[in-house]
Amino acid sequence: MRLLLISDTHVPKRARDLPAVVWDEVARADVVIHAGDWVEPALLDVLEERSARLVGCWGNNDGAELRRRLPERADVTLGGVRFTVVHETGASGGRDARMAKLYPDTDVLVFGHSHIPWDTTAATGLRLLNPGSPTDRRRQPYCTYMTTTIADGALGDVELHNVEQRG
C-alpha cells in the first residue's frame, strides 16, 4: 500500500493549486493523508474525487465548512498500522514524549502546522511524521511532502520529497 502525506496546503492563499508532482503522487497513492490547513473546501472536493482513498483532518486555518466535513482528529488502521492524523502538536521540545502519552494506541502520528518536516520515533515506538508543506515553505529551503508504504503490517521507509519551485 502506497501513502502520500501532505499538510498545510493553504490553497488558494499560498498557491493556486497543488504542484504537478504532488498530483502525480495522488494518482499513484492508495491513500492520501492530509493533516489540515486546507483553507478552502475546493481542494478537499478535488482530492476526494482524485484520491483512491483520502484521510484528513481540519487545521487552525480551516473555516466552518471544512470543520463540518472533516474531524479534528482522524484515526484509521491501514494495512494493520494504526494512524492518527491531527494538525497541531504544540512545541517541538518534548513533542515525542507528549504525543506518545496522548496517543498510546497509535503507531504513526501524522501532523502539520509548523510547515517543518519532522520524522522521529518516540521511546514507546510511536512514529511522528510531519510532511511539511508542498506549497508554503516558510523558513524551510524547500516545499515538501512525504511518501511511504505499508507491507506485512509494517510502515516502510518514509521519504521526504522536495518540491522544486518554478518561476
Protein backbone atom coordinates (compact mmCIF):
# COMPACT_ATOMS: atom_id res chain seq x y z
CA MET A 1 0.00 0.00 0.00
CA ARG A 2 1.45 3.38 -1.05
CA LEU A 3 0.73 6.50 1.03
CA LEU A 4 1.11 10.20 0.27
CA LEU A 5 1.40 12.51 3.30
CA ILE A 6 0.69 16.22 2.89
CA SER A 7 -0.30 19.11 5.11
CA ASP A 8 -0.63 22.88 5.14
CA THR A 9 -1.59 23.20 1.50
CA HIS A 10 -3.22 26.62 2.06
CA VAL A 11 -4.89 26.56 -1.38
CA PRO A 12 -5.68 29.14 -2.79
CA LYS A 13 -3.96 31.52 -0.35
CA ARG A 14 -0.35 30.32 -0.68
CA ALA A 15 -0.70 28.60 -4.06
CA ARG A 16 -3.41 28.42 -6.70
CA ASP A 17 -3.15 24.63 -6.77
CA LEU A 18 -1.01 21.75 -5.61
CA PRO A 19 2.23 21.30 -7.56
CA ALA A 20 2.00 18.89 -10.50
CA VAL A 21 4.40 16.46 -8.81
CA VAL A 22 2.02 16.20 -5.84
CA TRP A 23 -0.93 15.50 -8.16
CA ASP A 24 1.19 12.76 -9.75
CA GLU A 25 1.70 11.27 -6.27
CA VAL A 26 -2.05 11.49 -5.60
CA ALA A 27 -2.63 9.38 -8.72
CA ARG A 28 -0.10 6.75 -7.54
CA ALA A 29 -1.18 6.61 -3.89
CA ASP A 30 -3.56 4.07 -2.43
CA VAL A 31 -4.20 6.51 0.42
CA VAL A 32 -3.67 10.27 0.67
CA ILE A 33 -3.31 11.65 4.21
CA HIS A 34 -3.77 15.41 4.71
CA ALA A 35 -3.00 16.87 8.13
CA GLY A 36 -5.01 20.08 7.90
CA ASP A 37 -4.86 23.71 6.80
CA TRP A 38 -6.64 23.20 3.52
CA VAL A 39 -8.04 26.79 3.76
CA GLU A 40 -10.82 26.36 1.17
CA PRO A 41 -13.18 23.37 0.61
CA ALA A 42 -12.47 23.26 -3.14
CA LEU A 43 -9.20 21.36 -2.64
CA LEU A 44 -10.97 18.84 -0.40
CA ASP A 45 -13.55 18.31 -3.16
CA VAL A 46 -10.88 17.66 -5.80
CA LEU A 47 -8.79 15.41 -3.56
CA GLU A 48 -11.90 13.39 -2.69
CA GLU A 49 -12.52 12.91 -6.43
CA ARG A 50 -8.94 12.12 -7.43
CA SER A 51 -7.75 10.05 -4.46
CA ALA A 52 -8.28 6.32 -4.24
CA ARG A 53 -8.83 6.98 -0.50
CA LEU A 54 -8.48 10.21 1.47
CA VAL A 55 -7.93 10.57 5.22
CA GLY A 56 -7.76 14.09 6.62
CA CYS A 57 -8.43 16.48 9.45
CA TRP A 58 -9.01 20.20 9.73
CA GLY A 59 -6.40 22.75 10.80
CA ASN A 60 -6.41 26.11 12.54
CA ASN A 61 -6.81 27.99 9.22
CA ASP A 62 -9.84 25.96 8.16
CA GLY A 63 -13.29 27.50 8.42
CA ALA A 64 -16.72 26.20 9.31
CA GLU A 65 -17.34 24.19 6.12
CA LEU A 66 -14.08 22.23 6.39
CA ARG A 67 -14.64 21.70 10.13
CA ARG A 68 -18.10 20.36 9.36
CA ARG A 69 -16.75 17.91 6.78
CA LEU A 70 -13.53 16.80 8.50
CA PRO A 71 -12.68 15.68 12.03
CA GLU A 72 -10.20 17.45 14.29
CA ARG A 73 -8.58 14.03 14.78
CA ALA A 74 -8.77 11.23 12.21
CA ASP A 75 -7.98 7.66 13.28
CA VAL A 76 -7.58 4.90 10.71
CA THR A 77 -5.92 1.49 10.50
CA LEU A 78 -4.18 0.89 7.17
CA GLY A 79 -2.67 -2.49 6.47
CA GLY A 80 -2.54 -3.25 10.18
CA VAL A 81 -0.81 0.05 11.08
CA ARG A 82 -2.76 2.43 13.34
CA PHE A 83 -2.61 6.07 12.21
CA THR A 84 -3.80 9.24 13.91
CA VAL A 85 -3.93 12.46 11.89
CA VAL A 86 -4.05 15.83 13.67
CA HIS A 87 -2.97 19.32 12.74
CA GLU A 88 -1.24 20.70 15.82
CA THR A 89 1.05 19.03 18.35
CA GLY A 90 2.46 22.05 20.20
CA ALA A 91 6.09 22.97 20.71
CA SER A 92 8.82 20.76 19.27
CA GLY A 93 10.56 20.42 22.64
CA GLY A 94 9.32 17.27 24.33
CA ARG A 95 6.94 16.53 21.44
CA ASP A 96 7.79 12.82 21.16
CA ALA A 97 7.07 12.07 24.82
CA ARG A 98 3.94 14.28 24.94
CA MET A 99 2.44 12.71 21.84
CA ALA A 100 3.31 9.16 22.94
CA LYS A 101 1.42 9.80 26.17
CA LEU A 102 -1.52 11.43 24.35
CA TYR A 103 -1.79 8.73 21.64
CA PRO A 104 -0.84 5.44 23.34
CA ASP A 105 -2.85 3.31 20.89
CA THR A 106 -1.36 4.85 17.74
CA ASP A 107 1.56 3.53 15.69
CA VAL A 108 2.02 6.60 13.44
CA LEU A 109 1.03 10.19 14.19
CA VAL A 110 0.81 12.43 11.11
CA PHE A 111 0.66 16.14 11.89
CA GLY A 112 1.25 19.55 10.35
CA HIS A 113 1.01 23.21 11.35
CA SER A 114 4.70 24.16 11.50
CA HIS A 115 5.49 23.58 7.79
CA ILE A 116 8.70 21.98 9.12
CA PRO A 117 9.30 18.35 8.15
CA TRP A 118 9.61 16.03 11.14
CA ASP A 119 10.38 12.32 11.35
CA THR A 120 11.12 10.87 14.77
CA THR A 121 10.25 7.83 16.82
CA ALA A 122 9.28 8.17 20.48
CA ALA A 123 10.68 5.81 23.13
CA THR A 124 7.32 3.98 23.05
CA GLY A 125 7.70 3.26 19.32
CA LEU A 126 5.24 5.96 18.16
CA ARG A 127 6.42 7.32 14.81
CA LEU A 128 5.81 11.06 14.38
CA LEU A 129 5.67 12.44 10.83
CA ASN A 130 5.15 15.98 9.60
CA PRO A 131 5.39 16.21 5.80
CA GLY A 132 5.92 19.98 5.84
CA SER A 133 4.02 21.90 3.16
CA PRO A 134 4.04 21.34 -0.61
CA THR A 135 3.01 24.96 -1.24
CA ASP A 136 4.43 27.19 1.53
CA ARG A 137 8.00 26.55 2.65
CA ARG A 138 8.07 29.39 5.17
CA ARG A 139 11.64 29.37 6.54
CA GLN A 140 12.49 25.97 5.06
CA PRO A 141 14.71 25.62 1.98
CA TYR A 142 12.02 23.69 0.07
CA CYS A 143 8.33 22.95 0.00
CA THR A 144 7.94 19.27 0.91
CA TYR A 145 5.73 16.19 1.14
CA MET A 146 6.28 12.58 2.21
CA THR A 147 5.60 9.15 0.77
CA THR A 148 5.75 5.76 2.42
CA THR A 149 4.44 2.25 2.07
CA ILE A 150 2.83 -0.34 4.28
CA ALA A 151 3.60 -4.01 3.79
CA ASP A 152 3.10 -7.02 6.05
CA GLY A 153 1.61 -4.83 8.80
CA ALA A 154 4.62 -2.51 8.97
CA LEU A 155 5.44 1.00 7.84
CA GLY A 156 8.11 1.06 5.14
CA ASP A 157 10.78 3.67 4.54
CA VAL A 158 9.46 7.21 4.78
CA GLU A 159 10.74 9.51 2.03
CA LEU A 160 10.78 13.28 2.29
CA HIS A 161 10.46 14.90 -1.14
CA ASN A 162 11.46 18.46 -2.01
CA VAL A 163 9.22 20.34 -4.41
CA GLU A 164 11.30 22.22 -6.94
CA GLN A 165 9.95 25.72 -7.36
CA ARG A 166 9.36 27.06 -10.85
CA GLY A 167 9.33 30.66 -11.75
